[in-house]
Amino acid sequence: MLWFLLAVALFYFFIIPDNFLLFCPLYKTTGIQCPGCGSQRAFHQLLHGNLMGALQQNLLLLLGIIALVYHYGIKAVNRWFGKNFKSVFSHRNALWWGIGLAILFMIVRNLSWYPLNP
């Protein structure tokens, strides 16, 4: 699994985003940006150390990465040190909160005054 993640990171580090990345079918057909639009460009910017560029492409991707690192960091600490810390993402409603956040992000990013459109 770790080798796969490393291979994906190396792939996104060396490609040129304007020439190779996949397009969003929702955006191509309707002009509406989904919550994932710009995430490939944001990941590319993040791998090159350009945090502001990544935030401009897709803020939700960076928040998702931080949430995943937090959640699996808590799991690793629990396993390695025998602790019983609870992650806020272990709650039974966490998935619904995440879906609601993604829908809200999609609505807000498609408003004409929203500054973080990719």
PDB file of N, CA and C in Angstrom:
ATOM      1  N   MET A   1       0.824  -1.196   0.000  1.00  0.00           N
ATOM      2  CA  MET A   1       0.000   0.000   0.000  1.00  0.00           C
ATOM      3  C   MET A   1       0.867   1.259   0.000  1.00  0.00           C
ATOM      4  N   LEU A   2       1.924   1.222   0.806  1.00  0.00           N
ATOM      5  CA  LEU A   2       2.806   2.384   0.875  1.00  0.00           C
ATOM      6  C   LEU A   2       3.519   2.609  -0.456  1.00  0.00           C
ATOM      7  N   TRP A   3       3.886   1.532  -1.142  1.00  0.00           N
ATOM      8  CA  TRP A   3       4.532   1.658  -2.450  1.00  0.00           C
ATOM      9  C   TRP A   3       3.589   2.288  -3.467  1.00  0.00           C
ATOM     10  N   PHE A   4       2.329   1.919  -3.392  1.00  0.00           N
ATOM     11  CA  PHE A   4       1.340   2.491  -4.303  1.00  0.00           C
ATOM     12  C   PHE A   4       1.201   3.993  -4.072  1.00  0.00           C
ATOM     13  N   LEU A   5       1.111   4.409  -2.811  1.00  0.00           N
ATOM     14  CA  LEU A   5       0.997   5.834  -2.497  1.00  0.00           C
ATOM     15  C   LEU A   5       2.237   6.602  -2.945  1.00  0.00           C
ATOM     16  N   LEU A   6       3.406   6.002  -2.767  1.00  0.00           N
ATOM     17  CA  LEU A   6       4.640   6.635  -3.221  1.00  0.00           C
ATOM     18  C   LEU A   6       4.660   6.757  -4.742  1.00  0.00           C
ATOM     19  N   ALA A   7       4.203   5.737  -5.443  1.00  0.00           N
ATOM     20  CA  ALA A   7       4.158   5.786  -6.908  1.00  0.00           C
ATOM     21  C   ALA A   7       3.200   6.868  -7.393  1.00  0.00           C
ATOM     22  N   VAL A   8       2.045   6.991  -6.757  1.00  0.00           N
ATOM     23  CA  VAL A   8       1.085   8.037  -7.132  1.00  0.00           C
ATOM     24  C   VAL A   8       1.679   9.414  -6.877  1.00  0.00           C
ATOM     25  N   ALA A   9       2.341   9.590  -5.730  1.00  0.00           N
ATOM     26  CA  ALA A   9       2.951  10.881  -5.410  1.00  0.00           C
ATOM     27  C   ALA A   9       4.039  11.234  -6.424  1.00  0.00           C
ATOM     28  N   LEU A  10       4.869  10.278  -6.800  1.00  0.00           N
ATOM     29  CA  LEU A  10       5.909  10.544  -7.801  1.00  0.00           C
ATOM     30  C   LEU A  10       5.302  10.868  -9.159  1.00  0.00           C
ATOM     31  N   PHE A  11       4.240  10.170  -9.517  1.00  0.00           N
ATOM     32  CA  PHE A  11       3.565  10.444 -10.781  1.00  0.00           C
ATOM     33  C   PHE A  11       3.056  11.881 -10.817  1.00  0.00           C
ATOM     34  N   TYR A  12       2.357  12.291  -9.768  1.00  0.00           N
ATOM     35  CA  TYR A  12       1.810  13.647  -9.733  1.00  0.00           C
ATOM     36  C   TYR A  12       2.891  14.703  -9.581  1.00  0.00           C
ATOM     37  N   PHE A  13       4.046  14.345  -9.053  1.00  0.00           N
ATOM     38  CA  PHE A  13       5.129  15.313  -8.917  1.00  0.00           C
ATOM     39  C   PHE A  13       5.734  15.656 -10.273  1.00  0.00           C
ATOM     40  N   PHE A  14       5.862  14.670 -11.159  1.00  0.00           N
ATOM     41  CA  PHE A  14       6.581  14.885 -12.409  1.00  0.00           C
ATOM     42  C   PHE A  14       5.707  15.224 -13.611  1.00  0.00           C
ATOM     43  N   ILE A  15       4.395  15.136 -13.509  1.00  0.00           N
ATOM     44  CA  ILE A  15       3.560  15.451 -14.670  1.00  0.00           C
ATOM     45  C   ILE A  15       3.328  16.951 -14.783  1.00  0.00           C
ATOM     46  N   ILE A  16       2.919  17.364 -15.960  1.00  0.00           N
ATOM     47  CA  ILE A  16       2.516  18.749 -16.191  1.00  0.00           C
ATOM     48  C   ILE A  16       0.991  18.763 -16.155  1.00  0.00           C
ATOM     49  N   PRO A  17       0.384  19.422 -15.168  1.00  0.00           N
ATOM     50  CA  PRO A  17      -1.066  19.310 -14.978  1.00  0.00           C
ATOM     51  C   PRO A  17      -1.898  19.785 -16.161  1.00  0.00           C
ATOM     52  N   ASP A  18      -1.447  20.771 -16.889  1.00  0.00           N
ATOM     53  CA  ASP A  18      -2.252  21.301 -17.984  1.00  0.00           C
ATOM     54  C   ASP A  18      -2.363  20.336 -19.156  1.00  0.00           C
ATOM     55  N   ASN A  19      -1.411  19.438 -19.307  1.00  0.00           N
ATOM     56  CA  ASN A  19      -1.390  18.560 -20.471  1.00  0.00           C
ATOM     57  C   ASN A  19      -1.937  17.165 -20.215  1.00  0.00           C
ATOM     58  N   PHE A  20      -1.931  16.700 -18.969  1.00  0.00           N
ATOM     59  CA  PHE A  20      -2.159  15.281 -18.770  1.00  0.00           C
ATOM     60  C   PHE A  20      -3.333  14.923 -17.868  1.00  0.00           C
ATOM     61  N   LEU A  21      -3.683  15.750 -16.921  1.00  0.00           N
ATOM     62  CA  LEU A  21      -4.653  15.355 -15.904  1.00  0.00           C
ATOM     63  C   LEU A  21      -6.036  15.100 -16.476  1.00  0.00           C
ATOM     64  N   LEU A  22      -6.776  14.257 -15.801  1.00  0.00           N
ATOM     65  CA  LEU A  22      -8.128  13.910 -16.217  1.00  0.00           C
ATOM     66  C   LEU A  22      -9.066  15.092 -16.014  1.00  0.00           C
ATOM     67  N   PHE A  23     -10.115  15.140 -16.795  1.00  0.00           N
ATOM     68  CA  PHE A  23     -11.091  16.216 -16.649  1.00  0.00           C
ATOM     69  C   PHE A  23     -12.277  15.721 -15.831  1.00  0.00           C
ATOM     70  N   CYS A  24     -13.007  16.661 -15.279  1.00  0.00           N
ATOM     71  CA  CYS A  24     -14.198  16.331 -14.491  1.00  0.00           C
ATOM     72  C   CYS A  24     -15.391  16.256 -15.438  1.00  0.00           C
ATOM     73  N   PRO A  25     -16.075  15.115 -15.511  1.00  0.00           N
ATOM     74  CA  PRO A  25     -17.209  15.004 -16.424  1.00  0.00           C
ATOM     75  C   PRO A  25     -18.366  15.929 -16.051  1.00  0.00           C
ATOM     76  N   LEU A  26     -18.584  16.168 -14.762  1.00  0.00           N
ATOM     77  CA  LEU A  26     -19.661  17.070 -14.349  1.00  0.00           C
ATOM     78  C   LEU A  26     -19.373  18.493 -14.814  1.00  0.00           C
ATOM     79  N   TYR A  27     -18.119  18.918 -14.655  1.00  0.00           N
ATOM     80  CA  TYR A  27     -17.754  20.274 -15.069  1.00  0.00           C
ATOM     81  C   TYR A  27     -17.796  20.415 -16.589  1.00  0.00           C
ATOM     82  N   LYS A  28     -17.350  19.390 -17.304  1.00  0.00           N
ATOM     83  CA  LYS A  28     -17.345  19.448 -18.772  1.00  0.00           C
ATOM     84  C   LYS A  28     -18.754  19.509 -19.346  1.00  0.00           C
ATOM     85  N   THR A  29     -19.698  18.805 -18.724  1.00  0.00           N
ATOM     86  CA  THR A  29     -21.049  18.760 -19.283  1.00  0.00           C
ATOM     87  C   THR A  29     -21.953  19.873 -18.780  1.00  0.00           C
ATOM     88  N   THR A  30     -21.776  20.295 -17.517  1.00  0.00           N
ATOM     89  CA  THR A  30     -22.704  21.282 -16.951  1.00  0.00           C
ATOM     90  C   THR A  30     -22.062  22.611 -16.596  1.00  0.00           C
ATOM     91  N   GLY A  31     -20.751  22.646 -16.428  1.00  0.00           N
ATOM     92  CA  GLY A  31     -20.080  23.860 -15.982  1.00  0.00           C
ATOM     93  C   GLY A  31     -20.117  24.039 -14.474  1.00  0.00           C
ATOM     94  N   ILE A  32     -20.672  23.062 -13.761  1.00  0.00           N
ATOM     95  CA  ILE A  32     -20.732  23.105 -12.298  1.00  0.00           C
ATOM     96  C   ILE A  32     -19.511  22.382 -11.743  1.00  0.00           C
ATOM     97  N   GLN A  33     -18.829  23.027 -10.804  1.00  0.00           N
ATOM     98  CA  GLN A  33     -17.647  22.424 -10.207  1.00  0.00           C
ATOM     99  C   GLN A  33     -18.054  21.536  -9.037  1.00  0.00           C
ATOM    100  N   CYS A  34     -17.650  20.286  -9.091  1.00  0.00           N
ATOM    101  CA  CYS A  34     -17.945  19.354  -8.004  1.00  0.00           C
ATOM    102  C   CYS A  34     -16.943  19.587  -6.867  1.00  0.00           C
ATOM    103  N   PRO A  35     -17.128  18.955  -5.707  1.00  0.00           N
ATOM    104  CA  PRO A  35     -16.175  19.149  -4.614  1.00  0.00           C
ATOM    105  C   PRO A  35     -14.762  18.678  -4.948  1.00  0.00           C
ATOM    106  N   GLY A  36     -14.615  17.792  -5.915  1.00  0.00           N
ATOM    107  CA  GLY A  36     -13.295  17.282  -6.267  1.00  0.00           C
ATOM    108  C   GLY A  36     -12.599  18.041  -7.379  1.00  0.00           C
ATOM    109  N   CYS A  37     -13.293  18.978  -8.029  1.00  0.00           N
ATOM    110  CA  CYS A  37     -12.675  19.734  -9.119  1.00  0.00           C
ATOM    111  C   CYS A  37     -11.456  20.500  -8.610  1.00  0.00           C
ATOM    112  N   GLY A  38     -10.362  20.341  -9.292  1.00  0.00           N
ATOM    113  CA  GLY A  38      -9.129  21.021  -8.916  1.00  0.00           C
ATOM    114  C   GLY A  38      -8.273  20.235  -7.948  1.00  0.00           C
ATOM    115  N   SER A  39      -8.731  19.074  -7.515  1.00  0.00           N
ATOM    116  CA  SER A  39      -7.956  18.332  -6.521  1.00  0.00           C
ATOM    117  C   SER A  39      -6.672  17.746  -7.108  1.00  0.00           C
ATOM    118  N   GLN A  40      -6.678  17.372  -8.385  1.00  0.00           N
ATOM    119  CA  GLN A  40      -5.450  16.859  -8.990  1.00  0.00           C
ATOM    120  C   GLN A  40      -4.412  17.964  -9.114  1.00  0.00           C
ATOM    121  N   ARG A  41      -4.854  19.149  -9.520  1.00  0.00           N
ATOM    122  CA  ARG A  41      -3.932  20.285  -9.597  1.00  0.00           C
ATOM    123  C   ARG A  41      -3.467  20.696  -8.199  1.00  0.00           C
ATOM    124  N   ALA A  42      -4.362  20.632  -7.216  1.00  0.00           N
ATOM    125  CA  ALA A  42      -3.996  20.981  -5.840  1.00  0.00           C
ATOM    126  C   ALA A  42      -2.965  20.001  -5.285  1.00  0.00           C
ATOM    127  N   PHE A  43      -3.145  18.718  -5.562  1.00  0.00           N
ATOM    128  CA  PHE A  43      -2.189  17.711  -5.108  1.00  0.00           C
ATOM    129  C   PHE A  43      -0.829  17.936  -5.755  1.00  0.00           C
ATOM    130  N   HIS A  44      -0.825  18.281  -7.030  1.00  0.00           N
ATOM    131  CA  HIS A  44       0.421  18.588  -7.734  1.00  0.00           C
ATOM    132  C   HIS A  44       1.110  19.795  -7.092  1.00  0.00           C
ATOM    133  N   GLN A  45       0.344  20.847  -6.804  1.00  0.00           N
ATOM    134  CA  GLN A  45       0.915  22.036  -6.165  1.00  0.00           C
ATOM    135  C   GLN A  45       1.449  21.714  -4.771  1.00  0.00           C
ATOM    136  N   LEU A  46       0.734  20.886  -4.040  1.00  0.00           N
ATOM    137  CA  LEU A  46       1.150  20.512  -2.693  1.00  0.00           C
ATOM    138  C   LEU A  46       2.455  19.728  -2.719  1.00  0.00           C
ATOM    139  N   LEU A  47       2.619  18.836  -3.688  1.00  0.00           N
ATOM    140  CA  LEU A  47       3.862  18.074  -3.802  1.00  0.00           C
ATOM    141  C   LEU A  47       5.050  18.967  -4.139  1.00  0.00           C
ATOM    142  N   HIS A  48       4.793  20.094  -4.782  1.00  0.00           N
ATOM    143  CA  HIS A  48       5.860  21.035  -5.109  1.00  0.00           C
ATOM    144  C   HIS A  48       6.057  22.078  -4.018  1.00  0.00           C
ATOM    145  N   GLY A  49       5.352  21.932  -2.903  1.00  0.00           N
ATOM    146  CA  GLY A  49       5.530  22.831  -1.776  1.00  0.00           C
ATOM    147  C   GLY A  49       4.783  24.141  -1.880  1.00  0.00           C
ATOM    148  N   ASN A  50       3.903  24.267  -2.846  1.00  0.00           N
ATOM    149  CA  ASN A  50       3.148  25.504  -3.042  1.00  0.00           C
ATOM    150  C   ASN A  50       1.804  25.387  -2.321  1.00  0.00           C
ATOM    151  N   LEU A  51       1.797  25.726  -1.042  1.00  0.00           N
ATOM    152  CA  LEU A  51       0.592  25.581  -0.231  1.00  0.00           C
ATOM    153  C   LEU A  51      -0.509  26.524  -0.685  1.00  0.00           C
ATOM    154  N   MET A  52      -0.182  27.753  -0.994  1.00  0.00           N
ATOM    155  CA  MET A  52      -1.199  28.710  -1.432  1.00  0.00           C
ATOM    156  C   MET A  52      -1.800  28.297  -2.774  1.00  0.00           C
ATOM    157  N   GLY A  53      -0.987  27.780  -3.670  1.00  0.00           N
ATOM    158  CA  GLY A  53      -1.506  27.288  -4.943  1.00  0.00           C
ATOM    159  C   GLY A  53      -2.458  26.122  -4.742  1.00  0.00           C
ATOM    160  N   ALA A  54      -2.121  25.236  -3.804  1.00  0.00           N
ATOM    161  CA  ALA A  54      -2.999  24.101  -3.506  1.00  0.00           C
ATOM    162  C   ALA A  54      -4.312  24.577  -2.902  1.00  0.00           C
ATOM    163  N   LEU A  55      -4.252  25.562  -2.022  1.00  0.00           N
ATOM    164  CA  LEU A  55      -5.471  26.097  -1.414  1.00  0.00           C
ATOM    165  C   LEU A  55      -6.356  26.766  -2.450  1.00  0.00           C
ATOM    166  N   GLN A  56      -5.758  27.415  -3.435  1.00  0.00           N
ATOM    167  CA  GLN A  56      -6.542  28.075  -4.475  1.00  0.00           C
ATOM    168  C   GLN A  56      -7.210  27.065  -5.399  1.00  0.00           C
ATOM    169  N   GLN A  57      -6.595  25.919  -5.593  1.00  0.00           N
ATOM    170  CA  GLN A  57      -7.176  24.908  -6.479  1.00  0.00           C
ATOM    171  C   GLN A  57      -8.320  24.156  -5.811  1.00  0.00           C
ATOM    172  N   ASN A  58      -8.105  23.689  -4.574  1.00  0.00           N
ATOM    173  CA  ASN A  58      -9.161  22.947  -3.876  1.00  0.00           C
ATOM    174  C   ASN A  58      -8.860  22.923  -2.382  1.00  0.00           C
ATOM    175  N   LEU A  59      -9.571  23.741  -1.641  1.00  0.00           N
ATOM    176  CA  LEU A  59      -9.407  23.824  -0.192  1.00  0.00           C
ATOM    177  C   LEU A  59      -9.833  22.530   0.492  1.00  0.00           C
ATOM    178  N   LEU A  60     -10.852  21.890  -0.027  1.00  0.00           N
ATOM    179  CA  LEU A  60     -11.383  20.681   0.598  1.00  0.00           C
ATOM    180  C   LEU A  60     -10.375  19.534   0.565  1.00  0.00           C
ATOM    181  N   LEU A  61      -9.533  19.469  -0.455  1.00  0.00           N
ATOM    182  CA  LEU A  61      -8.523  18.416  -0.524  1.00  0.00           C
ATOM    183  C   LEU A  61      -7.552  18.534   0.640  1.00  0.00           C
ATOM    184  N   LEU A  62      -7.076  19.741   0.908  1.00  0.00           N
ATOM    185  CA  LEU A  62      -6.125  19.930   1.998  1.00  0.00           C
ATOM    186  C   LEU A  62      -6.774  19.607   3.344  1.00  0.00           C
ATOM    187  N   LEU A  63      -8.020  20.019   3.534  1.00  0.00           N
ATOM    188  CA  LEU A  63      -8.723  19.681   4.774  1.00  0.00           C
ATOM    189  C   LEU A  63      -8.899  18.170   4.908  1.00  0.00           C
ATOM    190  N   GLY A  64      -9.172  17.498   3.793  1.00  0.00           N
ATOM    191  CA  GLY A  64      -9.312  16.044   3.815  1.00  0.00           C
ATOM    192  C   GLY A  64      -8.007  15.341   4.150  1.00  0.00           C
ATOM    193  N   ILE A  65      -6.899  15.838   3.614  1.00  0.00           N
ATOM    194  CA  ILE A  65      -5.596  15.245   3.916  1.00  0.00           C
ATOM    195  C   ILE A  65      -5.272  15.419   5.394  1.00  0.00           C
ATOM    196  N   ILE A  66      -5.533  16.607   5.931  1.00  0.00           N
ATOM    197  CA  ILE A  66      -5.289  16.850   7.355  1.00  0.00           C
ATOM    198  C   ILE A  66      -6.158  15.926   8.209  1.00  0.00           C
ATOM    199  N   ALA A  67      -7.418  15.752   7.824  1.00  0.00           N
ATOM    200  CA  ALA A  67      -8.323  14.878   8.577  1.00  0.00           C
ATOM    201  C   ALA A  67      -7.854  13.426   8.533  1.00  0.00           C
ATOM    202  N   LEU A  68      -7.398  12.966   7.376  1.00  0.00           N
ATOM    203  CA  LEU A  68      -6.916  11.583   7.270  1.00  0.00           C
ATOM    204  C   LEU A  68      -5.655  11.357   8.091  1.00  0.00           C
ATOM    205  N   VAL A  69      -4.724  12.315   8.048  1.00  0.00           N
ATOM    206  CA  VAL A  69      -3.500  12.190   8.845  1.00  0.00           C
ATOM    207  C   VAL A  69      -3.841  12.160  10.330  1.00  0.00           C
ATOM    208  N   TYR A  70      -4.763  13.013  10.757  1.00  0.00           N
ATOM    209  CA  TYR A  70      -5.190  13.029  12.157  1.00  0.00           C
ATOM    210  C   TYR A  70      -5.814  11.687  12.553  1.00  0.00           C
ATOM    211  N   HIS A  71      -6.763  11.214  11.763  1.00  0.00           N
ATOM    212  CA  HIS A  71      -7.489   9.983  12.100  1.00  0.00           C
ATOM    213  C   HIS A  71      -6.554   8.778  12.166  1.00  0.00           C
ATOM    214  N   TYR A  72      -5.720   8.609  11.148  1.00  0.00           N
ATOM    215  CA  TYR A  72      -4.833   7.452  11.149  1.00  0.00           C
ATOM    216  C   TYR A  72      -3.655   7.641  12.095  1.00  0.00           C
ATOM    217  N   GLY A  73      -3.308   8.872  12.424  1.00  0.00           N
ATOM    218  CA  GLY A  73      -2.308   9.122  13.464  1.00  0.00           C
ATOM    219  C   GLY A  73      -2.809   8.672  14.825  1.00  0.00           C
ATOM    220  N   ILE A  74      -4.078   8.963  15.121  1.00  0.00           N
ATOM    221  CA  ILE A  74      -4.685   8.499  16.374  1.00  0.00           C
ATOM    222  C   ILE A  74      -4.703   6.973  16.418  1.00  0.00           C
ATOM    223  N   LYS A  75      -5.053   6.345  15.303  1.00  0.00           N
ATOM    224  CA  LYS A  75      -5.071   4.873  15.263  1.00  0.00           C
ATOM    225  C   LYS A  75      -3.669   4.298  15.479  1.00  0.00           C
ATOM    226  N   ALA A  76      -2.654   4.932  14.887  1.00  0.00           N
ATOM    227  CA  ALA A  76      -1.283   4.448  15.049  1.00  0.00           C
ATOM    228  C   ALA A  76      -0.811   4.605  16.493  1.00  0.00           C
ATOM    229  N   VAL A  77      -1.118   5.731  17.111  1.00  0.00           N
ATOM    230  CA  VAL A  77      -0.737   5.937  18.514  1.00  0.00           C
ATOM    231  C   VAL A  77      -1.415   4.901  19.400  1.00  0.00           C
ATOM    232  N   ASN A  78      -2.685   4.640  19.144  1.00  0.00           N
ATOM    233  CA  ASN A  78      -3.405   3.635  19.935  1.00  0.00           C
ATOM    234  C   ASN A  78      -2.780   2.251  19.790  1.00  0.00           C
ATOM    235  N   ARG A  79      -2.401   1.903  18.584  1.00  0.00           N
ATOM    236  CA  ARG A  79      -1.843   0.574  18.344  1.00  0.00           C
ATOM    237  C   ARG A  79      -0.429   0.454  18.917  1.00  0.00           C
ATOM    238  N   TRP A  80       0.409   1.468  18.687  1.00  0.00           N
ATOM    239  CA  TRP A  80       1.807   1.373  19.096  1.00  0.00           C
ATOM    240  C   TRP A  80       2.005   1.524  20.601  1.00  0.00           C
ATOM    241  N   PHE A  81       1.196   2.361  21.228  1.00  0.00           N
ATOM    242  CA  PHE A  81       1.408   2.651  22.641  1.00  0.00           C
ATOM    243  C   PHE A  81       0.321   2.083  23.548  1.00  0.00           C
ATOM    244  N   GLY A  82      -0.612   1.343  22.988  1.00  0.00           N
ATOM    245  CA  GLY A  82      -1.653   0.720  23.784  1.00  0.00           C
ATOM    246  C   GLY A  82      -2.622   1.706  24.412  1.00  0.00           C
ATOM    247  N   LYS A  83      -2.790   2.848  23.809  1.00  0.00           N
ATOM    248  CA  LYS A  83      -3.713   3.870  24.326  1.00  0.00           C
ATOM    249  C   LYS A  83      -5.104   3.631  23.765  1.00  0.00           C
ATOM    250  N   ASN A  84      -6.060   4.423  24.239  1.00  0.00           N
ATOM    251  CA  ASN A  84      -7.432   4.298  23.758  1.00  0.00           C
ATOM    252  C   ASN A  84      -8.003   5.679  23.443  1.00  0.00           C
ATOM    253  N   PHE A  85      -7.270   6.460  22.649  1.00  0.00           N
ATOM    254  CA  PHE A  85      -7.760   7.771  22.240  1.00  0.00           C
ATOM    255  C   PHE A  85      -8.844   7.596  21.184  1.00  0.00           C
ATOM    256  N   LYS A  86      -9.820   8.461  21.210  1.00  0.00           N
ATOM    257  CA  LYS A  86     -10.907   8.417  20.230  1.00  0.00           C
ATOM    258  C   LYS A  86     -10.705   9.525  19.207  1.00  0.00           C
ATOM    259  N   SER A  87     -10.835   9.181  17.961  1.00  0.00           N
ATOM    260  CA  SER A  87     -10.800  10.167  16.885  1.00  0.00           C
ATOM    261  C   SER A  87     -12.202  10.740  16.712  1.00  0.00           C
ATOM    262  N   VAL A  88     -12.282  12.023  16.407  1.00  0.00           N
ATOM    263  CA  VAL A  88     -13.604  12.616  16.181  1.00  0.00           C
ATOM    264  C   VAL A  88     -14.256  12.015  14.939  1.00  0.00           C
ATOM    265  N   PHE A  89     -13.476  11.412  14.075  1.00  0.00           N
ATOM    266  CA  PHE A  89     -14.014  10.817  12.858  1.00  0.00           C
ATOM    267  C   PHE A  89     -14.511   9.391  13.082  1.00  0.00           C
ATOM    268  N   SER A  90     -14.366   8.880  14.292  1.00  0.00           N
ATOM    269  CA  SER A  90     -14.887   7.554  14.613  1.00  0.00           C
ATOM    270  C   SER A  90     -16.357   7.601  15.007  1.00  0.00           C
ATOM    271  N   HIS A  91     -16.901   8.784  15.167  1.00  0.00           N
ATOM    272  CA  HIS A  91     -18.306   8.930  15.547  1.00  0.00           C
ATOM    273  C   HIS A  91     -19.188   8.414  14.416  1.00  0.00           C
ATOM    274  N   ARG A  92     -20.347   7.890  14.767  1.00  0.00           N
ATOM    275  CA  ARG A  92     -21.214   7.274  13.758  1.00  0.00           C
ATOM    276  C   ARG A  92     -21.780   8.271  12.761  1.00  0.00           C
ATOM    277  N   ASN A  93     -21.832   9.538  13.104  1.00  0.00           N
ATOM    278  CA  ASN A  93     -22.358  10.549  12.185  1.00  0.00           C
ATOM    279  C   ASN A  93     -21.267  11.284  11.405  1.00  0.00           C
ATOM    280  N   ALA A  94     -20.013  10.884  11.567  1.00  0.00           N
ATOM    281  CA  ALA A  94     -18.911  11.592  10.914  1.00  0.00           C
ATOM    282  C   ALA A  94     -19.027  11.535   9.389  1.00  0.00           C
ATOM    283  N   LEU A  95     -19.462  10.415   8.849  1.00  0.00           N
ATOM    284  CA  LEU A  95     -19.620  10.298   7.399  1.00  0.00           C
ATOM    285  C   LEU A  95     -20.656  11.288   6.888  1.00  0.00           C
ATOM    286  N   TRP A  96     -21.774  11.423   7.604  1.00  0.00           N
ATOM    287  CA  TRP A  96     -22.822  12.352   7.182  1.00  0.00           C
ATOM    288  C   TRP A  96     -22.354  13.799   7.284  1.00  0.00           C
ATOM    289  N   TRP A  97     -21.562  14.110   8.305  1.00  0.00           N
ATOM    290  CA  TRP A  97     -20.998  15.456   8.403  1.00  0.00           C
ATOM    291  C   TRP A  97     -20.049  15.730   7.228  1.00  0.00           C
ATOM    292  N   GLY A  98     -19.263  14.728   6.839  1.00  0.00           N
ATOM    293  CA  GLY A  98     -18.357  14.887   5.706  1.00  0.00           C
ATOM    294  C   GLY A  98     -19.097  15.089   4.394  1.00  0.00           C
ATOM    295  N   ILE A  99     -20.167  14.333   4.189  1.00  0.00           N
ATOM    296  CA  ILE A  99     -20.976  14.492   2.976  1.00  0.00           C
ATOM    297  C   ILE A  99     -21.628  15.867   2.955  1.00  0.00           C
ATOM    298  N   GLY A 100     -22.144  16.295   4.107  1.00  0.00           N
ATOM    299  CA  GLY A 100     -22.747  17.630   4.198  1.00  0.00           C
ATOM    300  C   GLY A 100     -21.739  18.730   3.925  1.00  0.00           C
ATOM    301  N   LEU A 101     -20.510  18.568   4.440  1.00  0.00           N
ATOM    302  CA  LEU A 101     -19.459  19.556   4.187  1.00  0.00           C
ATOM    303  C   LEU A 101     -19.108  19.605   2.704  1.00  0.00           C
ATOM    304  N   ALA A 102     -19.040  18.451   2.047  1.00  0.00           N
ATOM    305  CA  ALA A 102     -18.733  18.412   0.616  1.00  0.00           C
ATOM    306  C   ALA A 102     -19.835  19.079  -0.203  1.00  0.00           C
ATOM    307  N   ILE A 103     -21.097  18.856   0.164  1.00  0.00           N
ATOM    308  CA  ILE A 103     -22.208  19.495  -0.553  1.00  0.00           C
ATOM    309  C   ILE A 103     -22.182  20.999  -0.341  1.00  0.00           C
ATOM    310  N   LEU A 104     -21.939  21.432   0.898  1.00  0.00           N
ATOM    311  CA  LEU A 104     -21.849  22.866   1.184  1.00  0.00           C
ATOM    312  C   LEU A 104     -20.688  23.502   0.427  1.00  0.00           C
ATOM    313  N   PHE A 105     -19.547  22.811   0.378  1.00  0.00           N
ATOM    314  CA  PHE A 105     -18.388  23.309  -0.362  1.00  0.00           C
ATOM    315  C   PHE A 105     -18.716  23.446  -1.846  1.00  0.00           C
ATOM    316  N   MET A 106     -19.441  22.475  -2.394  1.00  0.00           N
ATOM    317  CA  MET A 106     -19.820  22.530  -3.809  1.00  0.00           C
ATOM    318  C   MET A 106     -20.735  23.717  -4.086  1.00  0.00           C
ATOM    319  N   ILE A 107     -21.681  23.965  -3.205  1.00  0.00           N
ATOM    320  CA  ILE A 107     -22.595  25.098  -3.401  1.00  0.00           C
ATOM    321  C   ILE A 107     -21.841  26.412  -3.320  1.00  0.00           C
ATOM    322  N   VAL A 108     -21.016  26.564  -2.296  1.00  0.00           N
ATOM    323  CA  VAL A 108     -20.314  27.836  -2.087  1.00  0.00           C
ATOM    324  C   VAL A 108     -19.295  28.093  -3.188  1.00  0.00           C
ATOM    325  N   ARG A 109     -18.606  27.061  -3.652  1.00  0.00           N
ATOM    326  CA  ARG A 109     -17.575  27.292  -4.671  1.00  0.00           C
ATOM    327  C   ARG A 109     -18.163  27.624  -6.038  1.00  0.00           C
ATOM    328  N   ASN A 110     -19.440  27.337  -6.254  1.00  0.00           N
ATOM    329  CA  ASN A 110     -20.076  27.668  -7.524  1.00  0.00           C
ATOM    330  C   ASN A 110     -20.765  29.022  -7.509  1.00  0.00           C
ATOM    331  N   LEU A 111     -20.723  29.723  -6.382  1.00  0.00           N
ATOM    332  CA  LEU A 111     -21.231  31.089  -6.346  1.00  0.00           C
ATOM    333  C   LEU A 111     -20.255  31.989  -7.086  1.00  0.00           C
ATOM    334  N   SER A 112     -20.746  33.020  -7.715  1.00  0.00           N
ATOM    335  CA  SER A 112     -19.882  33.849  -8.562  1.00  0.00           C
ATOM    336  C   SER A 112     -18.866  34.645  -7.763  1.00  0.00           C
ATOM    337  N   TRP A 113     -19.105  34.914  -6.493  1.00  0.00           N
ATOM    338  CA  TRP A 113     -18.173  35.713  -5.706  1.00  0.00           C
ATOM    339  C   TRP A 113     -17.155  34.880  -4.958  1.00  0.00           C
ATOM    340  N   TYR A 114     -17.204  33.579  -5.079  1.00  0.00           N
ATOM    341  CA  TYR A 114     -16.298  32.715  -4.323  1.00  0.00           C
ATOM    342  C   TYR A 114     -14.887  32.806  -4.904  1.00  0.00           C
ATOM    343  N   PRO A 115     -13.865  33.120  -4.083  1.00  0.00           N
ATOM    344  CA  PRO A 115     -12.522  33.383  -4.623  1.00  0.00           C
ATOM    345  C   PRO A 115     -11.676  32.148  -4.909  1.00  0.00           C
ATOM    346  N   LEU A 116     -12.080  30.957  -4.496  1.00  0.00           N
ATOM    347  CA  LEU A 116     -11.201  29.800  -4.644  1.00  0.00           C
ATOM    348  C   LEU A 116     -11.581  28.886  -5.796  1.00  0.00           C
ATOM    349  N   ASN A 117     -12.168  29.412  -6.841  1.00  0.00           N
ATOM    350  CA  ASN A 117     -12.487  28.583  -8.008  1.00  0.00           C
ATOM    351  C   ASN A 117     -11.206  28.196  -8.727  1.00  0.00           C
ATOM    352  N   PRO A 118     -11.078  26.919  -9.127  1.00  0.00           N
ATOM    353  CA  PRO A 118      -9.849  26.533  -9.845  1.00  0.00           C
ATOM    354  C   PRO A 118      -9.833  27.064 -11.266  1.00  0.00           C
TER     355      PRO A 118
END
